[in-house]
Protein backbone atom coordinates (compact mmCIF):
# COMPACT_ATOMS: atom_id res chain seq x y z
CA MET A 1 -123.63 74.14 18.34
CA ARG A 2 -123.25 71.91 15.14
CA ILE A 3 -124.04 68.09 15.68
CA SER A 4 -123.29 65.24 13.39
CA GLU A 5 -125.74 63.30 14.97
CA ILE A 6 -127.56 61.92 18.29
CA TYR A 7 -128.72 58.39 18.40
CA ALA A 8 -129.22 55.55 21.08
CA SER A 9 -126.71 52.49 21.05
CA ILE A 10 -123.93 51.18 23.22
CA HIS A 11 -120.47 52.44 24.51
CA GLY A 12 -118.52 50.86 21.50
CA GLU A 13 -115.08 51.51 22.75
CA SER A 14 -114.35 52.73 26.37
CA GLN A 15 -113.74 51.68 29.98
CA TYR A 16 -117.79 51.50 29.52
CA VAL A 17 -118.26 49.25 26.33
CA GLY A 18 -121.20 47.71 26.02
CA LEU A 19 -123.30 49.74 28.39
CA PRO A 20 -126.42 51.25 26.52
CA CYS A 21 -125.71 55.25 26.20
CA THR A 22 -126.92 58.00 23.87
CA LEU A 23 -124.35 59.27 21.64
CA VAL A 24 -124.19 63.05 20.89
CA ARG A 25 -121.60 63.39 18.22
CA THR A 26 -120.56 66.79 17.33
CA THR A 27 -119.04 68.11 13.67
CA GLY A 28 -115.59 69.33 13.14
CA CYS A 29 -112.17 68.02 14.23
CA ASP A 30 -108.75 69.87 13.72
CA LEU A 31 -106.92 66.73 13.46
CA ARG A 32 -106.64 64.21 10.81
CA CYS A 33 -105.57 61.09 11.82
CA ALA A 34 -104.58 58.25 9.30
CA TYR A 35 -106.78 55.85 11.01
CA CYS A 36 -109.93 58.03 11.76
CA ASP A 37 -113.26 56.06 11.01
CA THR A 38 -115.38 58.86 11.53
CA THR A 39 -114.19 61.18 9.01
CA TYR A 40 -117.96 61.98 7.79
CA ALA A 41 -118.07 63.76 11.00
CA PHE A 42 -115.51 66.63 9.76
CA VAL A 43 -118.17 68.48 8.11
CA GLY A 44 -121.85 68.88 7.63
CA GLY A 45 -124.20 68.03 10.62
CA ARG A 46 -126.70 70.74 11.68
CA GLU A 47 -126.98 74.03 13.87
CA MET A 48 -128.47 72.63 17.39
CA SER A 49 -129.35 74.83 20.34
CA LEU A 50 -128.69 73.46 23.83
CA ALA A 51 -132.06 73.05 24.75
CA GLU A 52 -132.79 71.17 21.55
CA VAL A 53 -130.03 68.68 21.93
CA VAL A 54 -130.89 68.13 25.70
CA ALA A 55 -134.48 67.17 24.50
CA GLU A 56 -133.10 64.84 22.25
CA VAL A 57 -130.98 63.25 24.51
CA ARG A 58 -134.41 62.76 26.87
CA ARG A 59 -136.40 61.57 24.09
CA PHE A 60 -134.04 58.49 23.78
CA GLY A 61 -134.56 58.10 27.50
CA LEU A 62 -130.95 56.62 28.60
CA PRO A 63 -129.48 57.62 31.56
CA PHE A 64 -125.86 57.41 30.24
CA VAL A 65 -124.65 59.92 27.54
CA LEU A 66 -121.32 60.18 25.54
CA LEU A 67 -120.49 63.58 23.90
CA THR A 68 -118.06 62.72 21.21
CA GLY A 69 -116.82 64.10 17.84
CA GLY A 70 -115.38 64.97 15.21
CA GLU A 71 -113.88 66.89 18.33
CA PRO A 72 -116.16 67.89 21.04
CA MET A 73 -113.89 70.37 22.88
CA LEU A 74 -113.95 72.50 19.64
CA GLN A 75 -117.41 73.38 20.50
CA LEU A 76 -117.73 76.40 22.38
CA GLU A 77 -121.06 75.50 24.20
CA ILE A 78 -119.72 71.84 25.18
CA VAL A 79 -118.85 72.77 28.37
CA GLU A 80 -122.27 74.39 29.01
CA LEU A 81 -123.97 71.17 27.52
CA ALA A 82 -122.20 68.81 29.91
CA GLN A 83 -123.43 70.98 32.94
CA GLN A 84 -127.03 70.91 31.71
CA LEU A 85 -127.08 67.15 31.09
CA LEU A 86 -125.47 66.66 34.41
CA ASP A 87 -128.29 68.94 35.83
CA GLY A 88 -131.13 67.13 34.45
CA GLY A 89 -129.29 64.19 36.21
CA PHE A 90 -127.67 62.04 33.36
CA LYS A 91 -124.08 60.56 33.65
CA VAL A 92 -122.00 61.87 31.37
CA ALA A 93 -118.40 61.07 29.23
CA LEU A 94 -116.79 62.63 26.83
CA GLU A 95 -113.99 61.58 24.31
CA THR A 96 -111.29 63.93 23.17
CA SER A 97 -108.50 63.66 21.14
CA GLY A 98 -105.81 64.58 23.50
CA ALA A 99 -105.13 67.70 21.56
CA HIS A 100 -106.99 69.94 23.67
CA LEU A 101 -106.96 71.02 27.48
CA ILE A 102 -109.91 69.52 29.57
CA ASP A 103 -109.75 71.60 32.60
CA ARG A 104 -113.12 73.72 31.75
CA LEU A 105 -115.26 70.55 32.03
CA PRO A 106 -117.30 70.01 35.14
CA THR A 107 -115.56 67.50 37.60
CA GLU A 108 -118.49 65.20 37.19
CA VAL A 109 -117.72 64.39 33.33
CA CYS A 110 -115.74 61.48 32.76
CA ARG A 111 -113.05 61.96 30.71
CA ILE A 112 -111.57 59.59 27.75
CA LEU A 113 -108.45 60.90 26.30
CA ASP A 114 -107.25 59.57 23.00
CA VAL A 115 -103.25 59.57 22.35
CA LYS A 116 -102.39 59.73 18.96
CA THR A 117 -99.82 57.52 18.38
CA PRO A 118 -97.39 57.64 15.43
CA SER A 119 -98.93 56.15 12.76
CA SER A 120 -101.75 58.60 13.10
CA GLY A 121 -99.64 61.23 12.04
CA GLU A 122 -100.70 63.58 14.57
CA SER A 123 -98.63 62.40 17.81
CA HIS A 124 -96.88 65.86 17.80
CA ARG A 125 -100.21 67.36 18.52
CA MET A 126 -100.95 65.77 22.08
CA GLN A 127 -101.42 68.34 24.81
CA TRP A 128 -99.78 66.41 27.54
CA PRO A 129 -101.02 68.75 30.44
CA ALA A 130 -104.52 67.27 29.67
CA PHE A 131 -103.60 64.09 31.03
CA GLU A 132 -102.27 65.29 34.64
CA GLY A 133 -104.93 64.70 37.08
CA LEU A 134 -106.97 61.96 35.58
CA ARG A 135 -108.92 59.98 37.99
CA PRO A 136 -109.96 56.27 38.00
CA CYS A 137 -113.15 56.70 36.75
CA ASP A 138 -111.29 58.58 33.68
CA ALA A 139 -109.66 56.72 30.87
CA VAL A 140 -106.33 57.28 28.56
CA LYS A 141 -106.78 55.37 24.78
CA PHE A 142 -103.98 54.10 22.57
CA VAL A 143 -104.97 53.30 19.37
CA LEU A 144 -102.50 51.12 17.84
CA SER A 145 -101.72 49.86 14.08
CA ASP A 146 -98.47 47.99 14.72
CA ASP A 147 -95.70 47.02 16.58
CA ALA A 148 -94.19 50.38 16.92
CA ASP A 149 -97.15 52.28 18.07
CA TYR A 150 -97.08 49.55 21.01
CA ARG A 151 -93.99 50.11 21.90
CA TRP A 152 -94.17 53.91 21.91
CA SER A 153 -97.28 53.85 23.99
CA ILE A 154 -95.97 51.37 26.65
CA GLU A 155 -93.02 54.23 26.85
CA GLN A 156 -95.74 56.84 27.38
CA VAL A 157 -97.71 54.68 30.02
CA ALA A 158 -94.58 54.71 31.80
CA ARG A 159 -93.62 58.58 31.54
CA LEU A 160 -96.94 59.85 32.36
CA GLY A 161 -97.40 57.20 35.38
CA LEU A 162 -100.62 55.98 34.17
CA VAL A 163 -101.05 52.66 35.70
CA GLY A 164 -102.98 53.01 39.19
CA ARG A 165 -104.09 56.40 38.55
CA THR A 166 -106.63 56.05 35.48
CA GLU A 167 -107.88 53.30 32.97
CA VAL A 168 -105.20 52.61 30.53
CA LEU A 169 -106.77 51.37 27.30
CA PHE A 170 -104.87 49.54 23.78
CA SER A 171 -106.80 49.63 21.19
CA PRO A 172 -106.37 48.08 17.66
CA VAL A 173 -106.73 49.73 14.51
CA HIS A 174 -109.62 47.53 13.28
CA GLY A 175 -108.81 45.68 10.06
CA ARG A 176 -105.23 46.78 10.46
CA LEU A 177 -103.57 45.13 13.60
CA ASP A 178 -104.92 41.77 14.32
CA ALA A 179 -106.75 42.08 17.79
CA ARG A 180 -105.31 38.16 18.55
CA GLU A 181 -101.79 39.65 18.20
CA LEU A 182 -102.28 42.60 20.41
CA VAL A 183 -103.52 40.18 23.05
CA ARG A 184 -100.54 38.22 22.77
CA TRP A 185 -98.43 41.28 23.13
CA VAL A 186 -100.09 42.36 25.97
CA VAL A 187 -100.10 39.17 27.95
CA ARG A 188 -96.51 38.28 26.98
CA ASP A 189 -94.98 41.64 28.47
CA ARG A 190 -97.32 41.65 31.44
CA LEU A 191 -98.86 44.83 30.91
CA ALA A 192 -101.88 46.47 33.35
CA VAL A 193 -103.34 47.72 30.54
CA ARG A 194 -106.95 46.32 29.07
CA VAL A 195 -106.98 45.36 25.53
CA ASN A 196 -110.01 47.65 24.24
CA LEU A 197 -111.80 46.57 20.78
CA GLN A 198 -114.31 48.27 18.70
CA VAL A 199 -117.61 46.34 20.02
CA HIS A 200 -120.05 47.83 17.58
CA LYS A 201 -118.02 47.16 14.66
CA TYR A 202 -118.11 43.48 15.29
CA VAL A 203 -121.90 43.99 16.21
CA TRP A 204 -122.93 46.08 13.06
CA GLY A 205 -120.18 45.70 11.03
CA PRO A 206 -116.90 48.18 10.32
CA ASP A 207 -119.02 50.76 8.21
CA ALA A 208 -122.06 51.47 9.92
CA LYS A 209 -123.06 54.57 11.20
CA GLY A 210 -125.61 55.71 13.71
CA VAL A 211 -125.32 52.36 15.89
């Protein structure tokens, strides 16, 4: 499989934000979101066998692994990699764009599904059946650029019946939507969602890679 990078850090943005983990970032994505901050993972990377990836994860010695991208669901071997990591005693989470079905994943994998808001330019690519059957350990993350994204996301949360079924995260695009403004909106509207910041960008800066 083609891997962009593997490194030890913390969960930067999810329901597990701040927890130490090993990030396995795959190469390649079939979306081109206007606010994407990992465009470097579109191309390049290196071919690694499953055994090599698992060995690299073991070398870092952290019990939690995040499979991300790029788009990890484009990698044919991602399901087997997740299973091997689970069999090795790791807790595994996978972050995906929401444009791919996830029913092939082992049930023990925690799913983090992004919803592509209108400002992304890719909201028409959502595979809404992928959002069925989500559990409390999973999450749906809405990345918001502006008030229009916010209003649209409220409608999707209601339409999909997400509250009470899974974690709902509202994440402002760093440098585009002021987090303080998003907090004011969420409190004003009494939403049962979690404001989710990209903590790694506050710790290391918005352009740092491999952290």
